[in-house]
Amino acid sequence: MRAPVTAVRTGVHRFRTPTPETDGTLCWGATTAVTVEVDAGGSTGLGWTYSSPAAAAVVTDVLSGVLCGHDAFDIPGAAEAMHRAGRNLGTRGLFAQAQSAADIALWDLKARLLDVPLADLFGRTRHRVPVYGSGGFTNLDRTQLAEQVAGWVAAGCTAMKIKIGESWGANPGRDLARVRRLRELAGDGVELMVDANGGYSPGQARRIGAALDELGVVWFEEPVSSDDVDDLGALRGELRCDVAAGEYVADAREAARLAPAVDCLQLDVTRCGGYTGWLRCTAIAVAAGRQVSGHCAPSLHVPVAAALPELRHVEWFADHARLEPLLVDGAPPVIDGELLVPDAPGHGMTLRNPEESS
């Protein structure tokens, strides 16, 4: 059976946030989803990444020429061909995001051509995928944080994460006060998680981490930059809370470098090479004895996360949880703190406004 790719289309979809949002090291007011549709055999596969509109140009100018005519069933070959096409551009960062969206579209297409759910194609081990509530931006006031936590409670989330490291670690007292406030709002039965987005120095991270241990926090994400692998590993050895990082991993080599330094390796299918990259990187994490957590893009993580026994959870990030039902039809719902795994062919999602693609 062969199904040559006949067309590749991209779309750029910008969604403004309700208010400006900040974490420890960045401020933003909108999120851009770059979609990729791939046609073959009378079916269409859909993928996307959260990136710059420039990712759409990479797909159109570089990757579409690689994919058109390629057998849609040969995803490993397509992944290798796309990677080679990025040699002179650099295969990480923006290029990896573009390749990720195309790879996700290919897997969705293959499952639709076979008329099977994508989770089954990967080897489903569960019918629901656990999530944690994520947001808690550093610029939220007490009322806004309370409203966000109330939404997570209503959705049945048993773990919740807020941002700390405000202004590159300039206000540690407020960081810890907000963690205490999260405990008040969430109650005693919820696991507390924090994300500093690399905002602390190593010394700050040790001091803040010790305070987080006393507050019962179980997850300290990017206490220092994820590029600082040695200090991540040192903090992992000193703190009781789990040290996590990995959202910027672009390929298996980066996963292999980072996995020994963390308790849980985060991976993002929209950045690490799509589902092909996820499968390669999770194999490295499992070989290192690490759990894996899906970073953001909850709807896209569902089918491949459902096939990973070593999965810890998937991030139900406020921005993406809000915009994905606006971007696509068929986004899986969260019920009792878990995303339902679709039984429709592919990942079960289609663009709500396909006319915006070109």
Protein backbone atom coordinates (compact mmCIF):
# COMPACT_ATOMS: atom_id res chain seq x y z
CA MET A 1 0.00 0.00 0.00
CA ARG A 2 1.32 3.43 -0.99
CA ALA A 3 -0.22 6.86 -0.69
CA PRO A 4 1.97 9.63 -2.14
CA VAL A 5 1.54 13.04 -0.54
CA THR A 6 -0.26 15.30 -3.00
CA ALA A 7 -0.47 18.62 -1.13
CA VAL A 8 0.82 20.45 1.94
CA ARG A 9 -0.98 23.53 3.30
CA THR A 10 -0.20 25.88 6.17
CA GLY A 11 -2.22 28.32 8.24
CA VAL A 12 -1.37 30.96 10.82
CA HIS A 13 -3.90 31.52 13.61
CA ARG A 14 -3.31 34.20 16.25
CA PHE A 15 -5.24 34.21 19.51
CA ARG A 16 -5.01 37.14 21.89
CA THR A 17 -4.85 36.41 25.61
CA PRO A 18 -7.63 37.86 27.79
CA THR A 19 -5.01 40.09 29.44
CA PRO A 20 -1.21 40.34 29.13
CA GLU A 21 0.47 37.32 30.76
CA THR A 22 3.91 37.01 32.34
CA ASP A 23 6.09 34.29 33.79
CA GLY A 24 9.52 34.59 35.35
CA THR A 25 11.32 35.61 32.18
CA LEU A 26 8.80 36.61 29.48
CA CYS A 27 5.62 38.61 28.82
CA TRP A 28 3.16 37.99 25.98
CA GLY A 29 -0.26 39.07 24.80
CA ALA A 30 -1.09 36.48 22.13
CA THR A 31 -0.42 32.90 21.08
CA THR A 32 0.16 31.88 17.47
CA ALA A 33 -0.72 28.41 16.21
CA VAL A 34 0.86 27.38 12.89
CA THR A 35 -1.13 24.56 11.29
CA VAL A 36 -0.05 22.06 8.67
CA GLU A 37 -2.40 19.91 6.58
CA VAL A 38 -1.08 17.06 4.46
CA ASP A 39 -3.17 15.30 1.77
CA ALA A 40 -2.76 11.75 0.44
CA GLY A 41 -5.07 8.98 -0.71
CA GLY A 42 -8.17 11.14 -0.38
CA SER A 43 -7.53 11.92 3.30
CA THR A 44 -6.06 14.88 5.17
CA GLY A 45 -3.86 14.88 8.25
CA LEU A 46 -3.58 17.85 10.60
CA GLY A 47 -0.76 19.03 12.82
CA TRP A 48 0.25 22.28 14.45
CA THR A 49 2.87 23.98 16.54
CA TYR A 50 2.88 27.05 18.77
CA SER A 51 5.47 29.27 17.17
CA SER A 52 6.10 32.28 14.96
CA PRO A 53 4.43 32.71 11.54
CA ALA A 54 7.94 32.08 10.23
CA ALA A 55 7.37 28.37 10.95
CA ALA A 56 4.72 28.37 8.22
CA ALA A 57 7.30 29.77 5.79
CA VAL A 58 9.71 26.95 6.70
CA VAL A 59 7.03 24.39 5.89
CA THR A 60 6.05 26.08 2.63
CA ASP A 61 9.54 26.92 1.40
CA VAL A 62 11.48 23.87 2.62
CA LEU A 63 9.43 20.97 3.91
CA SER A 64 6.57 20.83 1.41
CA GLY A 65 8.99 20.06 -1.42
CA VAL A 66 10.42 17.20 0.63
CA LEU A 67 7.02 15.76 1.47
CA CYS A 68 5.15 16.03 -1.83
CA GLY A 69 5.39 12.70 -3.60
CA HIS A 70 6.67 10.93 -0.48
CA ASP A 71 4.74 7.88 0.69
CA ALA A 72 2.51 8.96 3.58
CA PHE A 73 3.00 5.56 5.23
CA ASP A 74 6.78 6.04 5.39
CA ILE A 75 6.92 8.46 8.32
CA PRO A 76 10.45 7.54 9.47
CA GLY A 77 11.72 8.25 5.96
CA ALA A 78 9.86 11.55 5.86
CA ALA A 79 11.26 12.55 9.26
CA GLU A 80 14.81 11.84 8.08
CA ALA A 81 14.28 13.71 4.81
CA MET A 82 12.89 16.75 6.61
CA HIS A 83 15.76 16.74 9.09
CA ARG A 84 18.32 16.63 6.28
CA ALA A 85 16.58 19.50 4.49
CA GLY A 86 17.24 21.69 7.53
CA ARG A 87 21.01 21.26 7.51
CA ASN A 88 21.87 24.79 6.47
CA LEU A 89 19.08 26.39 8.51
CA GLY A 90 19.82 24.56 11.75
CA THR A 91 17.52 21.71 12.72
CA ARG A 92 16.43 22.94 16.16
CA GLY A 93 14.31 25.85 17.34
CA LEU A 94 12.06 27.24 14.64
CA PHE A 95 12.91 24.49 12.16
CA ALA A 96 12.13 21.76 14.71
CA GLN A 97 8.77 23.40 15.41
CA ALA A 98 7.90 23.42 11.71
CA GLN A 99 9.00 19.80 11.32
CA SER A 100 6.98 18.86 14.40
CA ALA A 101 3.76 20.22 12.92
CA ALA A 102 4.37 18.39 9.64
CA ASP A 103 5.23 15.15 11.43
CA ILE A 104 2.06 15.29 13.53
CA ALA A 105 0.03 15.82 10.34
CA LEU A 106 1.68 12.76 8.75
CA TRP A 107 0.83 10.52 11.71
CA ASP A 108 -2.76 11.79 11.76
CA LEU A 109 -2.96 11.16 8.00
CA LYS A 110 -1.59 7.63 8.30
CA ALA A 111 -4.11 6.70 10.98
CA ARG A 112 -6.96 8.16 8.92
CA LEU A 113 -5.84 6.20 5.85
CA LEU A 114 -5.88 3.05 7.98
CA ASP A 115 -9.19 4.12 9.58
CA VAL A 116 -7.88 3.63 13.13
CA PRO A 117 -7.53 5.93 16.15
CA LEU A 118 -4.02 7.31 16.40
CA ALA A 119 -3.76 6.14 20.01
CA ASP A 120 -4.30 2.56 18.83
CA LEU A 121 -1.67 2.96 16.13
CA PHE A 122 0.81 3.96 18.84
CA GLY A 123 -0.28 1.11 21.14
CA ARG A 124 -2.85 2.51 23.55
CA THR A 125 -2.33 1.63 27.22
CA ARG A 126 -5.04 3.87 28.69
CA HIS A 127 -8.34 5.47 27.71
CA ARG A 128 -7.81 8.64 29.75
CA VAL A 129 -4.72 10.81 30.15
CA PRO A 130 -4.12 12.60 33.49
CA VAL A 131 -3.58 16.35 33.37
CA TYR A 132 -2.54 19.08 35.75
CA GLY A 133 -3.89 22.62 35.81
CA SER A 134 -1.27 25.10 34.63
CA GLY A 135 -1.14 28.88 34.47
CA GLY A 136 -0.92 31.07 37.56
CA PHE A 137 0.96 33.82 35.73
CA THR A 138 3.10 36.08 37.87
CA ASN A 139 1.05 39.19 37.03
CA LEU A 140 -2.28 37.72 38.19
CA ASP A 141 -3.81 39.38 41.23
CA ARG A 142 -5.34 37.38 44.08
CA THR A 143 -8.81 37.36 42.54
CA GLN A 144 -7.58 36.29 39.09
CA LEU A 145 -5.53 33.46 40.59
CA ALA A 146 -8.52 32.32 42.64
CA GLU A 147 -10.69 32.22 39.51
CA GLN A 148 -8.11 30.16 37.64
CA VAL A 149 -7.70 27.67 40.48
CA ALA A 150 -11.47 27.37 40.81
CA GLY A 151 -11.59 26.31 37.16
CA TRP A 152 -8.98 23.60 37.78
CA VAL A 153 -10.89 22.38 40.83
CA ALA A 154 -14.10 22.22 38.79
CA ALA A 155 -12.28 20.17 36.12
CA GLY A 156 -11.13 17.68 38.75
CA CYS A 157 -7.39 18.47 38.58
CA THR A 158 -5.45 16.88 41.43
CA ALA A 159 -2.21 18.76 40.62
CA MET A 160 -1.80 22.46 39.87
CA LYS A 161 1.14 24.61 38.76
CA ILE A 162 1.80 28.34 38.96
CA LYS A 163 4.60 30.54 37.66
CA ILE A 164 7.27 31.89 40.02
CA GLY A 165 10.65 33.56 39.50
CA GLU A 166 8.94 36.89 38.90
CA SER A 167 11.11 39.38 36.97
CA TRP A 168 14.10 37.05 36.76
CA GLY A 169 13.94 36.19 40.46
CA ALA A 170 13.68 39.78 41.68
CA ASN A 171 10.77 39.16 44.07
CA PRO A 172 11.24 35.80 45.87
CA GLY A 173 9.08 36.86 48.81
CA ARG A 174 6.06 37.31 46.55
CA ASP A 175 6.89 34.05 44.76
CA LEU A 176 6.61 32.10 48.03
CA ALA A 177 3.53 34.04 49.15
CA ARG A 178 1.81 33.03 45.93
CA VAL A 179 2.68 29.37 46.56
CA ARG A 180 1.08 29.63 50.01
CA ARG A 181 -1.96 31.23 48.39
CA LEU A 182 -2.17 28.35 45.93
CA ARG A 183 -2.30 25.90 48.84
CA GLU A 184 -5.12 27.87 50.43
CA LEU A 185 -7.10 27.88 47.19
CA ALA A 186 -6.41 24.31 46.09
CA GLY A 187 -6.79 22.53 49.42
CA ASP A 188 -4.69 19.87 51.08
CA GLY A 189 -5.37 17.04 48.63
CA VAL A 190 -3.80 18.72 45.59
CA GLU A 191 -0.16 18.38 44.51
CA LEU A 192 1.51 21.78 44.22
CA MET A 193 3.85 22.50 41.30
CA VAL A 194 5.84 25.60 40.33
CA ASP A 195 7.65 26.77 37.20
CA ALA A 196 10.42 29.39 37.39
CA ASN A 197 11.08 29.37 33.62
CA GLY A 198 14.82 29.55 34.31
CA GLY A 199 14.45 32.81 36.23
CA TYR A 200 16.67 32.02 39.22
CA SER A 201 20.42 31.89 39.65
CA PRO A 202 21.74 28.56 41.01
CA GLY A 203 22.09 30.04 44.51
CA GLN A 204 18.56 31.49 44.46
CA ALA A 205 17.18 28.21 43.17
CA ARG A 206 18.73 26.31 46.09
CA ARG A 207 17.28 28.72 48.65
CA ILE A 208 13.85 28.88 47.01
CA GLY A 209 13.86 25.11 46.56
CA ALA A 210 14.50 24.57 50.27
CA ALA A 211 11.51 26.80 51.07
CA LEU A 212 9.38 24.96 48.52
CA ASP A 213 10.28 21.67 50.20
CA GLU A 214 8.97 23.06 53.49
CA LEU A 215 5.74 24.10 51.74
CA GLY A 216 5.23 20.59 50.35
CA VAL A 217 5.76 21.48 46.68
CA VAL A 218 6.36 18.31 44.64
CA TRP A 219 7.55 19.80 41.30
CA PHE A 220 10.12 22.55 40.63
CA GLU A 221 10.30 23.22 36.91
CA GLU A 222 13.26 24.98 35.34
CA PRO A 223 14.65 26.36 38.60
CA VAL A 224 17.56 27.49 36.44
CA SER A 225 17.88 27.61 32.67
CA SER A 226 17.41 24.25 30.97
CA ASP A 227 20.73 24.97 29.23
CA ASP A 228 22.43 24.73 32.64
CA VAL A 229 22.40 20.96 32.88
CA ASP A 230 25.07 20.72 35.58
CA ASP A 231 23.19 22.97 38.01
CA LEU A 232 19.89 21.21 37.26
CA GLY A 233 21.55 17.95 38.24
CA ALA A 234 23.05 19.50 41.40
CA LEU A 235 19.66 20.86 42.46
CA ARG A 236 18.06 17.47 41.82
CA GLY A 237 20.53 15.98 44.30
CA GLU A 238 19.83 18.61 46.98
CA LEU A 239 16.05 19.08 46.90
CA ARG A 240 13.18 16.81 47.89
CA CYS A 241 10.83 18.22 45.25
CA ASP A 242 11.22 16.78 41.77
CA VAL A 243 13.27 18.87 39.35
CA ALA A 244 11.76 18.99 35.86
CA ALA A 245 12.82 20.44 32.51
CA GLY A 246 12.79 19.58 28.82
CA GLU A 247 10.15 21.71 27.10
CA TYR A 248 12.77 23.04 24.66
CA VAL A 249 14.20 19.63 23.72
CA ALA A 250 14.33 19.44 19.93
CA ASP A 251 15.73 15.97 19.31
CA ALA A 252 16.97 12.75 20.86
CA ARG A 253 20.47 14.07 21.46
CA GLU A 254 19.16 16.90 23.61
CA ALA A 255 16.91 14.47 25.47
CA ALA A 256 19.89 12.22 26.20
CA ARG A 257 21.88 15.18 27.56
CA LEU A 258 19.10 16.42 29.82
CA ALA A 259 17.43 13.23 31.11
CA PRO A 260 20.07 12.35 33.75
CA ALA A 261 19.78 15.83 35.31
CA VAL A 262 16.02 15.76 36.02
CA ASP A 263 13.48 13.63 37.87
CA CYS A 264 10.89 13.98 35.10
CA LEU A 265 11.68 14.82 31.48
CA GLN A 266 9.22 17.20 29.87
CA LEU A 267 8.66 16.79 26.15
CA ASP A 268 6.59 18.85 23.74
CA VAL A 269 5.35 17.20 20.54
CA THR A 270 5.13 20.63 18.89
CA ARG A 271 8.88 21.21 19.44
CA CYS A 272 10.70 17.86 19.68
CA GLY A 273 10.07 16.58 16.15
CA GLY A 274 6.38 15.73 16.44
CA TYR A 275 5.19 12.25 17.35
CA THR A 276 8.28 10.69 15.76
CA GLY A 277 10.53 12.80 17.96
CA TRP A 278 8.39 12.12 21.05
CA LEU A 279 8.70 8.37 20.56
CA ARG A 280 12.49 8.62 20.22
CA CYS A 281 12.91 10.95 23.20
CA THR A 282 10.58 9.00 25.51
CA ALA A 283 12.60 5.86 24.80
CA ILE A 284 15.68 7.70 26.08
CA ALA A 285 13.85 8.91 29.18
CA VAL A 286 12.56 5.44 29.97
CA ALA A 287 16.03 3.95 29.49
CA ALA A 288 17.32 6.50 32.04
CA GLY A 289 14.59 5.50 34.51
CA ARG A 290 12.70 8.78 34.18
CA GLN A 291 9.02 9.58 33.90
CA VAL A 292 7.78 11.82 31.09
CA SER A 293 5.36 14.75 31.19
CA GLY A 294 3.76 16.31 28.13
CA HIS A 295 4.41 20.06 27.91
CA CYS A 296 1.43 22.20 26.80
CA ALA A 297 -0.56 21.43 23.58
CA PRO A 298 -2.83 19.07 25.56
CA SER A 299 -5.04 18.01 22.65
CA LEU A 300 -2.08 16.92 20.53
CA HIS A 301 -0.40 14.99 23.34
CA VAL A 302 -3.42 12.80 24.07
CA PRO A 303 -2.94 10.00 21.49
CA VAL A 304 0.79 9.49 22.04
CA ALA A 305 0.62 10.02 25.81
CA ALA A 306 -2.06 7.32 25.94
CA ALA A 307 0.54 4.84 24.66
CA LEU A 308 3.26 5.59 27.24
CA PRO A 309 3.17 3.57 30.50
CA GLU A 310 5.80 5.86 32.02
CA LEU A 311 3.69 8.99 31.51
CA ARG A 312 3.31 11.19 34.60
CA HIS A 313 0.81 13.66 33.17
CA VAL A 314 0.10 16.25 30.48
CA GLU A 315 0.07 20.00 31.08
CA TRP A 316 -3.40 21.51 30.73
CA PHE A 317 -2.00 24.98 30.07
CA ALA A 318 -4.51 27.80 30.41
CA ASP A 319 -3.76 29.46 27.07
CA HIS A 320 -3.88 26.26 25.03
CA ALA A 321 -6.87 24.84 26.90
CA ARG A 322 -8.73 28.01 25.96
CA LEU A 323 -7.70 28.30 22.32
CA GLU A 324 -7.62 24.68 21.08
CA PRO A 325 -11.43 24.37 21.00
CA LEU A 326 -11.40 27.59 18.94
CA LEU A 327 -8.78 26.23 16.55
CA VAL A 328 -10.20 22.75 15.94
CA ASP A 329 -13.34 20.68 16.18
CA GLY A 330 -12.97 17.51 18.23
CA ALA A 331 -10.57 18.77 20.93
CA PRO A 332 -10.83 16.19 23.74
CA PRO A 333 -12.52 17.34 26.95
CA VAL A 334 -11.16 17.14 30.49
CA ILE A 335 -13.35 15.12 32.83
CA ASP A 336 -12.37 14.34 36.43
CA GLY A 337 -8.86 15.60 35.82
CA GLU A 338 -8.26 13.49 32.72
CA LEU A 339 -8.37 14.04 28.97
CA LEU A 340 -10.54 11.54 27.13
CA VAL A 341 -8.69 9.65 24.41
CA PRO A 342 -10.66 9.91 21.13
CA ASP A 343 -11.88 6.79 19.33
CA ALA A 344 -12.27 8.55 15.96
CA PRO A 345 -9.75 7.89 13.17
CA GLY A 346 -6.50 9.82 13.52
CA HIS A 347 -6.34 12.17 16.46
CA GLY A 348 -9.97 13.04 15.81
CA MET A 349 -9.51 16.78 15.23
CA THR A 350 -10.14 18.96 12.17
CA LEU A 351 -9.59 22.67 11.55
CA ARG A 352 -12.61 24.80 12.34
CA ASN A 353 -11.70 27.29 9.57
CA PRO A 354 -9.81 25.37 6.87
CA GLU A 355 -10.31 28.20 4.40
CA GLU A 356 -7.64 30.12 6.31
CA SER A 357 -4.98 27.64 5.14
CA SER A 358 -2.94 28.04 1.96
